[in-house]
């Protein structure tokens, strides 16, 4: 099954949960992967998910979050690379971004 890269809350979390749970918010020991729960169909849902993103010439990242392009605050950008080379965002249902991993330029 192809992953959804629209950045919608809960989409694609279960497929990547094993490495999402190891991510830490920059400057703290707090997890990026919060609010884990099982939906009625048994699928694990959480704050991290695949997304599409791009980086402008000034270094600022923009990512799809719940179907809208938003600027990613530099303080939440992780230096790590994702295992799949794609962009991933960890944000609560209200849209607060906890962590972001930029992917390759075409992600």
PDB file of N, CA and C in Angstrom:
ATOM      1  N   UNK A   1       0.835  -1.178   0.000  1.00  0.00           N
ATOM      2  CA  UNK A   1       0.000   0.000   0.000  1.00  0.00           C
ATOM      3  C   UNK A   1       0.887   1.252   0.000  1.00  0.00           C
ATOM      4  N   UNK A   2       0.610   2.210  -0.868  1.00  0.00           N
ATOM      5  CA  UNK A   2       1.366   3.453  -0.957  1.00  0.00           C
ATOM      6  C   UNK A   2       1.062   4.326   0.254  1.00  0.00           C
ATOM      7  N   UNK A   3       2.089   5.014   0.730  1.00  0.00           N
ATOM      8  CA  UNK A   3       1.890   5.903   1.872  1.00  0.00           C
ATOM      9  C   UNK A   3       1.242   7.198   1.422  1.00  0.00           C
ATOM     10  N   UNK A   4       0.408   7.742   2.279  1.00  0.00           N
ATOM     11  CA  UNK A   4      -0.221   9.035   2.078  1.00  0.00           C
ATOM     12  C   UNK A   4       0.786  10.102   2.520  1.00  0.00           C
ATOM     13  N   UNK A   5       1.117  11.042   1.641  1.00  0.00           N
ATOM     14  CA  UNK A   5       2.062  12.103   1.968  1.00  0.00           C
ATOM     15  C   UNK A   5       1.374  13.471   2.045  1.00  0.00           C
ATOM     16  N   UNK A   6       0.090  13.482   2.436  1.00  0.00           N
ATOM     17  CA  UNK A   6      -0.664  14.735   2.513  1.00  0.00           C
ATOM     18  C   UNK A   6      -0.468  15.445   3.849  1.00  0.00           C
ATOM     19  N   UNK A   7       0.188  14.770   4.802  1.00  0.00           N
ATOM     20  CA  UNK A   7       0.430  15.376   6.100  1.00  0.00           C
ATOM     21  C   UNK A   7      -0.780  15.415   7.006  1.00  0.00           C
ATOM     22  N   UNK A   8      -1.810  14.624   6.697  1.00  0.00           N
ATOM     23  CA  UNK A   8      -3.006  14.605   7.542  1.00  0.00           C
ATOM     24  C   UNK A   8      -2.734  13.822   8.822  1.00  0.00           C
ATOM     25  N   UNK A   9      -3.223  14.333   9.940  1.00  0.00           N
ATOM     26  CA  UNK A   9      -2.993  13.720  11.244  1.00  0.00           C
ATOM     27  C   UNK A   9      -3.434  12.262  11.230  1.00  0.00           C
ATOM     28  N   UNK A  10      -2.539  11.381  11.689  1.00  0.00           N
ATOM     29  CA  UNK A  10      -2.847   9.959  11.792  1.00  0.00           C
ATOM     30  C   UNK A  10      -2.555   9.145  10.544  1.00  0.00           C
ATOM     31  N   UNK A  11      -2.355   9.787   9.393  1.00  0.00           N
ATOM     32  CA  UNK A  11      -2.116   9.067   8.150  1.00  0.00           C
ATOM     33  C   UNK A  11      -0.659   8.629   8.051  1.00  0.00           C
ATOM     34  N   UNK A  12      -0.420   7.338   7.899  1.00  0.00           N
ATOM     35  CA  UNK A  12       0.926   6.822   7.698  1.00  0.00           C
ATOM     36  C   UNK A  12       1.732   6.625   8.961  1.00  0.00           C
ATOM     37  N   UNK A  13       1.137   6.877  10.123  1.00  0.00           N
ATOM     38  CA  UNK A  13       1.887   6.733  11.371  1.00  0.00           C
ATOM     39  C   UNK A  13       2.236   5.274  11.657  1.00  0.00           C
ATOM     40  N   UNK A  14       1.267   4.402  11.531  1.00  0.00           N
ATOM     41  CA  UNK A  14       1.464   2.999  11.919  1.00  0.00           C
ATOM     42  C   UNK A  14       2.626   2.357  11.159  1.00  0.00           C
ATOM     43  N   UNK A  15       2.774   2.686   9.876  1.00  0.00           N
ATOM     44  CA  UNK A  15       3.823   2.080   9.052  1.00  0.00           C
ATOM     45  C   UNK A  15       5.224   2.485   9.502  1.00  0.00           C
ATOM     46  N   UNK A  16       5.359   3.621  10.166  1.00  0.00           N
ATOM     47  CA  UNK A  16       6.665   4.145  10.556  1.00  0.00           C
ATOM     48  C   UNK A  16       6.851   4.274  12.065  1.00  0.00           C
ATOM     49  N   UNK A  17       5.890   3.779  12.839  1.00  0.00           N
ATOM     50  CA  UNK A  17       5.902   3.978  14.286  1.00  0.00           C
ATOM     51  C   UNK A  17       7.201   3.512  14.943  1.00  0.00           C
ATOM     52  N   UNK A  18       7.773   2.423  14.486  1.00  0.00           N
ATOM     53  CA  UNK A  18       8.963   1.874  15.133  1.00  0.00           C
ATOM     54  C   UNK A  18      10.117   2.871  15.194  1.00  0.00           C
ATOM     55  N   UNK A  19      10.316   3.674  14.160  1.00  0.00           N
ATOM     56  CA  UNK A  19      11.395   4.655  14.239  1.00  0.00           C
ATOM     57  C   UNK A  19      10.893   6.026  14.668  1.00  0.00           C
ATOM     58  N   UNK A  20       9.606   6.336  14.476  1.00  0.00           N
ATOM     59  CA  UNK A  20       9.070   7.602  14.994  1.00  0.00           C
ATOM     60  C   UNK A  20       9.228   7.673  16.509  1.00  0.00           C
ATOM     61  N   UNK A  21       8.986   6.559  17.203  1.00  0.00           N
ATOM     62  CA  UNK A  21       9.022   6.585  18.667  1.00  0.00           C
ATOM     63  C   UNK A  21      10.416   6.858  19.222  1.00  0.00           C
ATOM     64  N   UNK A  22      11.459   6.762  18.389  1.00  0.00           N
ATOM     65  CA  UNK A  22      12.829   7.032  18.834  1.00  0.00           C
ATOM     66  C   UNK A  22      13.231   8.496  18.637  1.00  0.00           C
ATOM     67  N   UNK A  23      12.430   9.263  17.898  1.00  0.00           N
ATOM     68  CA  UNK A  23      12.755  10.667  17.622  1.00  0.00           C
ATOM     69  C   UNK A  23      12.548  11.542  18.853  1.00  0.00           C
ATOM     70  N   UNK A  24      13.473  12.465  19.069  1.00  0.00           N
ATOM     71  CA  UNK A  24      13.395  13.399  20.202  1.00  0.00           C
ATOM     72  C   UNK A  24      13.281  14.824  19.676  1.00  0.00           C
ATOM     73  N   UNK A  25      12.462  15.641  20.362  1.00  0.00           N
ATOM     74  CA  UNK A  25      12.319  17.035  19.987  1.00  0.00           C
ATOM     75  C   UNK A  25      13.655  17.743  20.173  1.00  0.00           C
ATOM     76  N   UNK A  26      14.028  18.601  19.196  1.00  0.00           N
ATOM     77  CA  UNK A  26      15.315  19.310  19.306  1.00  0.00           C
ATOM     78  C   UNK A  26      15.430  20.070  20.628  1.00  0.00           C
ATOM     79  N   UNK A  27      16.587  19.927  21.282  1.00  0.00           N
ATOM     80  CA  UNK A  27      16.843  20.644  22.515  1.00  0.00           C
ATOM     81  C   UNK A  27      16.193  20.057  23.752  1.00  0.00           C
ATOM     82  N   UNK A  28      15.586  18.877  23.627  1.00  0.00           N
ATOM     83  CA  UNK A  28      14.961  18.265  24.798  1.00  0.00           C
ATOM     84  C   UNK A  28      15.001  16.752  24.666  1.00  0.00           C
ATOM     85  N   UNK A  29      14.549  16.098  25.695  1.00  0.00           N
ATOM     86  CA  UNK A  29      14.467  14.640  25.663  1.00  0.00           C
ATOM     87  C   UNK A  29      13.022  14.192  25.415  1.00  0.00           C
ATOM     88  N   UNK A  30      12.147  15.153  25.093  1.00  0.00           N
ATOM     89  CA  UNK A  30      10.735  14.837  24.854  1.00  0.00           C
ATOM     90  C   UNK A  30      10.581  14.132  23.508  1.00  0.00           C
ATOM     91  N   UNK A  31       9.688  13.190  23.469  1.00  0.00           N
ATOM     92  CA  UNK A  31       9.445  12.431  22.246  1.00  0.00           C
ATOM     93  C   UNK A  31       8.726  13.282  21.198  1.00  0.00           C
ATOM     94  N   UNK A  32       9.049  13.042  19.939  1.00  0.00           N
ATOM     95  CA  UNK A  32       8.306  13.660  18.826  1.00  0.00           C
ATOM     96  C   UNK A  32       6.987  12.926  18.624  1.00  0.00           C
ATOM     97  N   UNK A  33       6.963  11.674  18.999  1.00  0.00           N
ATOM     98  CA  UNK A  33       5.855  10.764  18.735  1.00  0.00           C
ATOM     99  C   UNK A  33       4.937  10.734  19.952  1.00  0.00           C
ATOM    100  N   UNK A  34       3.916  11.582  19.932  1.00  0.00           N
ATOM    101  CA  UNK A  34       3.005  11.698  21.062  1.00  0.00           C
ATOM    102  C   UNK A  34       1.598  11.276  20.671  1.00  0.00           C
ATOM    103  N   UNK A  35       0.709  11.217  21.631  1.00  0.00           N
ATOM    104  CA  UNK A  35      -0.716  10.953  21.409  1.00  0.00           C
ATOM    105  C   UNK A  35      -0.973   9.663  20.648  1.00  0.00           C
ATOM    106  N   UNK A  36      -0.243   8.622  20.976  1.00  0.00           N
ATOM    107  CA  UNK A  36      -0.467   7.336  20.316  1.00  0.00           C
ATOM    108  C   UNK A  36      -1.754   6.718  20.818  1.00  0.00           C
ATOM    109  N   UNK A  37      -2.549   6.216  19.918  1.00  0.00           N
ATOM    110  CA  UNK A  37      -3.784   5.532  20.296  1.00  0.00           C
ATOM    111  C   UNK A  37      -4.192   4.615  19.167  1.00  0.00           C
ATOM    112  N   UNK A  38      -5.038   3.682  19.491  1.00  0.00           N
ATOM    113  CA  UNK A  38      -5.563   2.788  18.462  1.00  0.00           C
ATOM    114  C   UNK A  38      -6.938   3.250  18.045  1.00  0.00           C
ATOM    115  N   UNK A  39      -7.133   3.295  16.727  1.00  0.00           N
ATOM    116  CA  UNK A  39      -8.451   3.630  16.201  1.00  0.00           C
ATOM    117  C   UNK A  39      -9.364   2.427  16.406  1.00  0.00           C
ATOM    118  N   UNK A  40     -10.662   2.606  16.207  1.00  0.00           N
ATOM    119  CA  UNK A  40     -11.588   1.478  16.362  1.00  0.00           C
ATOM    120  C   UNK A  40     -11.232   0.276  15.476  1.00  0.00           C
ATOM    121  N   UNK A  41     -10.560   0.542  14.336  1.00  0.00           N
ATOM    122  CA  UNK A  41     -10.172  -0.570  13.457  1.00  0.00           C
ATOM    123  C   UNK A  41      -8.848  -1.207  13.872  1.00  0.00           C
ATOM    124  N   UNK A  42      -8.270  -0.747  15.016  1.00  0.00           N
ATOM    125  CA  UNK A  42      -7.058  -1.359  15.555  1.00  0.00           C
ATOM    126  C   UNK A  42      -5.759  -0.762  15.037  1.00  0.00           C
ATOM    127  N   UNK A  43      -5.805   0.202  14.118  1.00  0.00           N
ATOM    128  CA  UNK A  43      -4.603   0.807  13.563  1.00  0.00           C
ATOM    129  C   UNK A  43      -4.046   1.835  14.552  1.00  0.00           C
ATOM    130  N   UNK A  44      -2.733   1.781  14.781  1.00  0.00           N
ATOM    131  CA  UNK A  44      -2.073   2.712  15.687  1.00  0.00           C
ATOM    132  C   UNK A  44      -2.009   4.085  15.029  1.00  0.00           C
ATOM    133  N   UNK A  45      -2.415   5.113  15.761  1.00  0.00           N
ATOM    134  CA  UNK A  45      -2.436   6.478  15.241  1.00  0.00           C
ATOM    135  C   UNK A  45      -1.592   7.353  16.147  1.00  0.00           C
ATOM    136  N   UNK A  46      -0.861   8.295  15.572  1.00  0.00           N
ATOM    137  CA  UNK A  46      -0.048   9.191  16.379  1.00  0.00           C
ATOM    138  C   UNK A  46       0.219  10.494  15.660  1.00  0.00           C
ATOM    139  N   UNK A  47       1.090  11.309  16.240  1.00  0.00           N
ATOM    140  CA  UNK A  47       1.328  12.649  15.727  1.00  0.00           C
ATOM    141  C   UNK A  47       2.285  12.714  14.547  1.00  0.00           C
ATOM    142  N   UNK A  48       3.102  11.698  14.324  1.00  0.00           N
ATOM    143  CA  UNK A  48       4.062  11.710  13.228  1.00  0.00           C
ATOM    144  C   UNK A  48       3.483  11.037  11.992  1.00  0.00           C
ATOM    145  N   UNK A  49       3.836  11.587  10.839  1.00  0.00           N
ATOM    146  CA  UNK A  49       3.365  11.008   9.583  1.00  0.00           C
ATOM    147  C   UNK A  49       4.202  11.520   8.415  1.00  0.00           C
ATOM    148  N   UNK A  50       4.182  10.760   7.289  1.00  0.00           N
ATOM    149  CA  UNK A  50       4.882  11.219   6.094  1.00  0.00           C
ATOM    150  C   UNK A  50       4.196  12.463   5.537  1.00  0.00           C
ATOM    151  N   UNK A  51       4.965  13.306   4.871  1.00  0.00           N
ATOM    152  CA  UNK A  51       4.409  14.502   4.251  1.00  0.00           C
ATOM    153  C   UNK A  51       5.234  14.868   3.027  1.00  0.00           C
ATOM    154  N   UNK A  52       4.750  15.807   2.260  1.00  0.00           N
ATOM    155  CA  UNK A  52       5.525  16.387   1.173  1.00  0.00           C
ATOM    156  C   UNK A  52       6.086  17.702   1.694  1.00  0.00           C
ATOM    157  N   UNK A  53       7.306  18.036   1.258  1.00  0.00           N
ATOM    158  CA  UNK A  53       7.940  19.262   1.734  1.00  0.00           C
ATOM    159  C   UNK A  53       8.941  19.757   0.706  1.00  0.00           C
ATOM    160  N   UNK A  54       9.270  21.033   0.838  1.00  0.00           N
ATOM    161  CA  UNK A  54      10.317  21.610   0.005  1.00  0.00           C
ATOM    162  C   UNK A  54      11.059  22.650   0.830  1.00  0.00           C
ATOM    163  N   UNK A  55      12.286  22.933   0.384  1.00  0.00           N
ATOM    164  CA  UNK A  55      13.119  23.901   1.082  1.00  0.00           C
ATOM    165  C   UNK A  55      13.425  25.052   0.128  1.00  0.00           C
ATOM    166  N   UNK A  56      13.195  26.274   0.594  1.00  0.00           N
ATOM    167  CA  UNK A  56      13.490  27.457  -0.222  1.00  0.00           C
ATOM    168  C   UNK A  56      14.987  27.760  -0.176  1.00  0.00           C
ATOM    169  N   UNK A  57      15.417  28.654  -1.073  1.00  0.00           N
ATOM    170  CA  UNK A  57      16.833  29.026  -1.153  1.00  0.00           C
ATOM    171  C   UNK A  57      17.380  29.581   0.158  1.00  0.00           C
ATOM    172  N   UNK A  58      16.495  30.180   0.979  1.00  0.00           N
ATOM    173  CA  UNK A  58      16.944  30.741   2.260  1.00  0.00           C
ATOM    174  C   UNK A  58      17.048  29.682   3.364  1.00  0.00           C
ATOM    175  N   UNK A  59      16.764  28.420   3.029  1.00  0.00           N
ATOM    176  CA  UNK A  59      16.870  27.323   3.992  1.00  0.00           C
ATOM    177  C   UNK A  59      15.588  27.003   4.728  1.00  0.00           C
ATOM    178  N   UNK A  60      14.555  27.808   4.551  1.00  0.00           N
ATOM    179  CA  UNK A  60      13.270  27.581   5.236  1.00  0.00           C
ATOM    180  C   UNK A  60      12.533  26.421   4.590  1.00  0.00           C
ATOM    181  N   UNK A  61      12.024  25.516   5.445  1.00  0.00           N
ATOM    182  CA  UNK A  61      11.235  24.383   4.977  1.00  0.00           C
ATOM    183  C   UNK A  61       9.749  24.726   4.989  1.00  0.00           C
ATOM    184  N   UNK A  62       9.022  24.168   4.037  1.00  0.00           N
ATOM    185  CA  UNK A  62       7.562  24.257   3.964  1.00  0.00           C
ATOM    186  C   UNK A  62       7.052  22.840   3.793  1.00  0.00           C
ATOM    187  N   UNK A  63       6.013  22.494   4.538  1.00  0.00           N
ATOM    188  CA  UNK A  63       5.498  21.127   4.510  1.00  0.00           C
ATOM    189  C   UNK A  63       3.981  21.128   4.429  1.00  0.00           C
ATOM    190  N   UNK A  64       3.441  20.051   3.860  1.00  0.00           N
ATOM    191  CA  UNK A  64       2.001  19.856   3.868  1.00  0.00           C
ATOM    192  C   UNK A  64       1.595  19.383   5.258  1.00  0.00           C
ATOM    193  N   UNK A  65       0.711  20.125   5.881  1.00  0.00           N
ATOM    194  CA  UNK A  65       0.206  19.774   7.202  1.00  0.00           C
ATOM    195  C   UNK A  65      -1.313  19.828   7.129  1.00  0.00           C
ATOM    196  N   UNK A  66      -1.918  18.674   7.258  1.00  0.00           N
ATOM    197  CA  UNK A  66      -3.377  18.561   7.154  1.00  0.00           C
ATOM    198  C   UNK A  66      -3.894  19.174   5.845  1.00  0.00           C
ATOM    199  N   UNK A  67      -3.131  18.932   4.769  1.00  0.00           N
ATOM    200  CA  UNK A  67      -3.550  19.365   3.439  1.00  0.00           C
ATOM    201  C   UNK A  67      -3.209  20.801   3.080  1.00  0.00           C
ATOM    202  N   UNK A  68      -2.521  21.531   3.973  1.00  0.00           N
ATOM    203  CA  UNK A  68      -2.147  22.931   3.711  1.00  0.00           C
ATOM    204  C   UNK A  68      -0.631  23.085   3.798  1.00  0.00           C
ATOM    205  N   UNK A  69      -0.052  23.906   2.909  1.00  0.00           N
ATOM    206  CA  UNK A  69       1.379  24.203   2.981  1.00  0.00           C
ATOM    207  C   UNK A  69       1.624  25.191   4.124  1.00  0.00           C
ATOM    208  N   UNK A  70       2.528  24.838   5.035  1.00  0.00           N
ATOM    209  CA  UNK A  70       2.845  25.700   6.172  1.00  0.00           C
ATOM    210  C   UNK A  70       4.361  25.822   6.314  1.00  0.00           C
ATOM    211  N   UNK A  71       4.844  26.964   6.840  1.00  0.00           N
ATOM    212  CA  UNK A  71       6.277  27.079   7.136  1.00  0.00           C
ATOM    213  C   UNK A  71       6.606  26.218   8.357  1.00  0.00           C
ATOM    214  N   UNK A  72       7.774  25.600   8.328  1.00  0.00           N
ATOM    215  CA  UNK A  72       8.222  24.772   9.446  1.00  0.00           C
ATOM    216  C   UNK A  72       9.185  25.605  10.292  1.00  0.00           C
ATOM    217  N   UNK A  73       8.874  25.827  11.574  1.00  0.00           N
ATOM    218  CA  UNK A  73       9.780  26.613  12.418  1.00  0.00           C
ATOM    219  C   UNK A  73      11.163  25.943  12.480  1.00  0.00           C
ATOM    220  N   UNK A  74      12.244  26.697  12.244  1.00  0.00           N
ATOM    221  CA  UNK A  74      13.586  26.101  12.248  1.00  0.00           C
ATOM    222  C   UNK A  74      13.908  25.340  13.531  1.00  0.00           C
ATOM    223  N   UNK A  75      13.337  25.746  14.674  1.00  0.00           N
ATOM    224  CA  UNK A  75      13.648  25.094  15.956  1.00  0.00           C
ATOM    225  C   UNK A  75      13.153  23.653  16.034  1.00  0.00           C
ATOM    226  N   UNK A  76      12.248  23.214  15.132  1.00  0.00           N
ATOM    227  CA  UNK A  76      11.723  21.847  15.193  1.00  0.00           C
ATOM    228  C   UNK A  76      12.331  20.929  14.128  1.00  0.00           C
ATOM    229  N   UNK A  77      13.227  21.488  13.297  1.00  0.00           N
ATOM    230  CA  UNK A  77      13.828  20.692  12.222  1.00  0.00           C
ATOM    231  C   UNK A  77      14.922  19.803  12.801  1.00  0.00           C
ATOM    232  N   UNK A  78      14.771  18.493  12.604  1.00  0.00           N
ATOM    233  CA  UNK A  78      15.768  17.524  13.066  1.00  0.00           C
ATOM    234  C   UNK A  78      16.886  17.407  12.039  1.00  0.00           C
ATOM    235  N   UNK A  79      18.085  17.165  12.510  1.00  0.00           N
ATOM    236  CA  UNK A  79      19.236  17.008  11.618  1.00  0.00           C
ATOM    237  C   UNK A  79      19.290  15.599  11.032  1.00  0.00           C
ATOM    238  N   UNK A  80      18.579  14.662  11.663  1.00  0.00           N
ATOM    239  CA  UNK A  80      18.562  13.273  11.201  1.00  0.00           C
ATOM    240  C   UNK A  80      17.909  13.171   9.829  1.00  0.00           C
ATOM    241  N   UNK A  81      18.234  12.107   9.130  1.00  0.00           N
ATOM    242  CA  UNK A  81      17.565  11.785   7.879  1.00  0.00           C
ATOM    243  C   UNK A  81      16.615  10.635   8.144  1.00  0.00           C
ATOM    244  N   UNK A  82      15.503  10.627   7.456  1.00  0.00           N
ATOM    245  CA  UNK A  82      14.554   9.529   7.642  1.00  0.00           C
ATOM    246  C   UNK A  82      15.067   8.293   6.919  1.00  0.00           C
ATOM    247  N   UNK A  83      14.738   7.117   7.414  1.00  0.00           N
ATOM    248  CA  UNK A  83      15.197   5.873   6.782  1.00  0.00           C
ATOM    249  C   UNK A  83      14.728   5.710   5.342  1.00  0.00           C
ATOM    250  N   UNK A  84      13.594   6.318   5.003  1.00  0.00           N
ATOM    251  CA  UNK A  84      13.060   6.143   3.646  1.00  0.00           C
ATOM    252  C   UNK A  84      13.393   7.307   2.707  1.00  0.00           C
ATOM    253  N   UNK A  85      14.109   8.327   3.203  1.00  0.00           N
ATOM    254  CA  UNK A  85      14.486   9.454   2.362  1.00  0.00           C
ATOM    255  C   UNK A  85      13.376  10.464   2.115  1.00  0.00           C
ATOM    256  N   UNK A  86      12.204  10.244   2.703  1.00  0.00           N
ATOM    257  CA  UNK A  86      11.069  11.146   2.528  1.00  0.00           C
ATOM    258  C   UNK A  86      10.986  12.129   3.688  1.00  0.00           C
ATOM    259  N   UNK A  87      10.142  13.138   3.525  1.00  0.00           N
ATOM    260  CA  UNK A  87       9.904  14.099   4.596  1.00  0.00           C
ATOM    261  C   UNK A  87       8.835  13.557   5.546  1.00  0.00           C
ATOM    262  N   UNK A  88       8.980  13.892   6.825  1.00  0.00           N
ATOM    263  CA  UNK A  88       8.033  13.459   7.847  1.00  0.00           C
ATOM    264  C   UNK A  88       7.812  14.616   8.806  1.00  0.00           C
ATOM    265  N   UNK A  89       6.577  14.721   9.311  1.00  0.00           N
ATOM    266  CA  UNK A  89       6.226  15.794  10.231  1.00  0.00           C
ATOM    267  C   UNK A  89       5.519  15.187  11.443  1.00  0.00           C
ATOM    268  N   UNK A  90       5.816  15.728  12.615  1.00  0.00           N
ATOM    269  CA  UNK A  90       5.142  15.315  13.850  1.00  0.00           C
ATOM    270  C   UNK A  90       4.441  16.558  14.385  1.00  0.00           C
ATOM    271  N   UNK A  91       3.122  16.520  14.366  1.00  0.00           N
ATOM    272  CA  UNK A  91       2.329  17.669  14.791  1.00  0.00           C
ATOM    273  C   UNK A  91       1.025  17.184  15.387  1.00  0.00           C
ATOM    274  N   UNK A  92       0.555  17.902  16.387  1.00  0.00           N
ATOM    275  CA  UNK A  92      -0.703  17.553  17.035  1.00  0.00           C
ATOM    276  C   UNK A  92      -1.902  17.881  16.160  1.00  0.00           C
ATOM    277  N   UNK A  93      -3.081  17.428  16.564  1.00  0.00           N
ATOM    278  CA  UNK A  93      -4.299  17.687  15.801  1.00  0.00           C
ATOM    279  C   UNK A  93      -4.566  19.180  15.586  1.00  0.00           C
ATOM    280  N   UNK A  94      -4.073  20.035  16.502  1.00  0.00           N
ATOM    281  CA  UNK A  94      -4.297  21.476  16.370  1.00  0.00           C
ATOM    282  C   UNK A  94      -3.336  22.126  15.378  1.00  0.00           C
ATOM    283  N   UNK A  95      -2.312  21.367  14.929  1.00  0.00           N
ATOM    284  CA  UNK A  95      -1.353  21.910  13.969  1.00  0.00           C
ATOM    285  C   UNK A  95      -0.028  22.350  14.557  1.00  0.00           C
ATOM    286  N   UNK A  96       0.155  22.218  15.869  1.00  0.00           N
ATOM    287  CA  UNK A  96       1.437  22.565  16.489  1.00  0.00           C
ATOM    288  C   UNK A  96       2.467  21.524  16.058  1.00  0.00           C
ATOM    289  N   UNK A  97       3.579  21.992  15.463  1.00  0.00           N
ATOM    290  CA  UNK A  97       4.619  21.089  14.962  1.00  0.00           C
ATOM    291  C   UNK A  97       5.634  20.829  16.064  1.00  0.00           C
ATOM    292  N   UNK A  98       5.864  19.532  16.344  1.00  0.00           N
ATOM    293  CA  UNK A  98       6.847  19.127  17.352  1.00  0.00           C
ATOM    294  C   UNK A  98       8.204  18.850  16.717  1.00  0.00           C
ATOM    295  N   UNK A  99       8.197  18.166  15.564  1.00  0.00           N
ATOM    296  CA  UNK A  99       9.428  17.753  14.893  1.00  0.00           C
ATOM    297  C   UNK A  99       9.186  17.656  13.390  1.00  0.00           C
ATOM    298  N   UNK A 100      10.274  17.828  12.634  1.00  0.00           N
ATOM    299  CA  UNK A 100      10.202  17.715  11.179  1.00  0.00           C
ATOM    300  C   UNK A 100      11.506  17.138  10.671  1.00  0.00           C
ATOM    301  N   UNK A 101      11.394  16.206   9.733  1.00  0.00           N
ATOM    302  CA  UNK A 101      12.562  15.652   9.045  1.00  0.00           C
ATOM    303  C   UNK A 101      12.392  15.953   7.571  1.00  0.00           C
ATOM    304  N   UNK A 102      13.348  16.683   7.018  1.00  0.00           N
ATOM    305  CA  UNK A 102      13.312  16.977   5.591  1.00  0.00           C
ATOM    306  C   UNK A 102      13.820  15.786   4.790  1.00  0.00           C
ATOM    307  N   UNK A 103      13.215  15.575   3.651  1.00  0.00           N
ATOM    308  CA  UNK A 103      13.620  14.481   2.789  1.00  0.00           C
ATOM    309  C   UNK A 103      14.510  14.954   1.668  1.00  0.00           C
ATOM    310  N   UNK A 104      14.643  14.128   0.660  1.00  0.00           N
ATOM    311  CA  UNK A 104      15.400  14.523  -0.510  1.00  0.00           C
ATOM    312  C   UNK A 104      14.664  15.647  -1.213  1.00  0.00           C
ATOM    313  N   UNK A 105      15.327  16.421  -2.059  1.00  0.00           N
ATOM    314  CA  UNK A 105      14.695  17.587  -2.673  1.00  0.00           C
ATOM    315  C   UNK A 105      13.371  17.313  -3.399  1.00  0.00           C
ATOM    316  N   UNK A 106      13.182  16.112  -3.894  1.00  0.00           N
ATOM    317  CA  UNK A 106      11.953  15.827  -4.636  1.00  0.00           C
ATOM    318  C   UNK A 106      10.830  15.279  -3.759  1.00  0.00           C
ATOM    319  N   UNK A 107      11.032  15.192  -2.438  1.00  0.00           N
ATOM    320  CA  UNK A 107      10.021  14.587  -1.567  1.00  0.00           C
ATOM    321  C   UNK A 107       8.862  15.521  -1.345  1.00  0.00           C
TER     322      UNK A 107
END
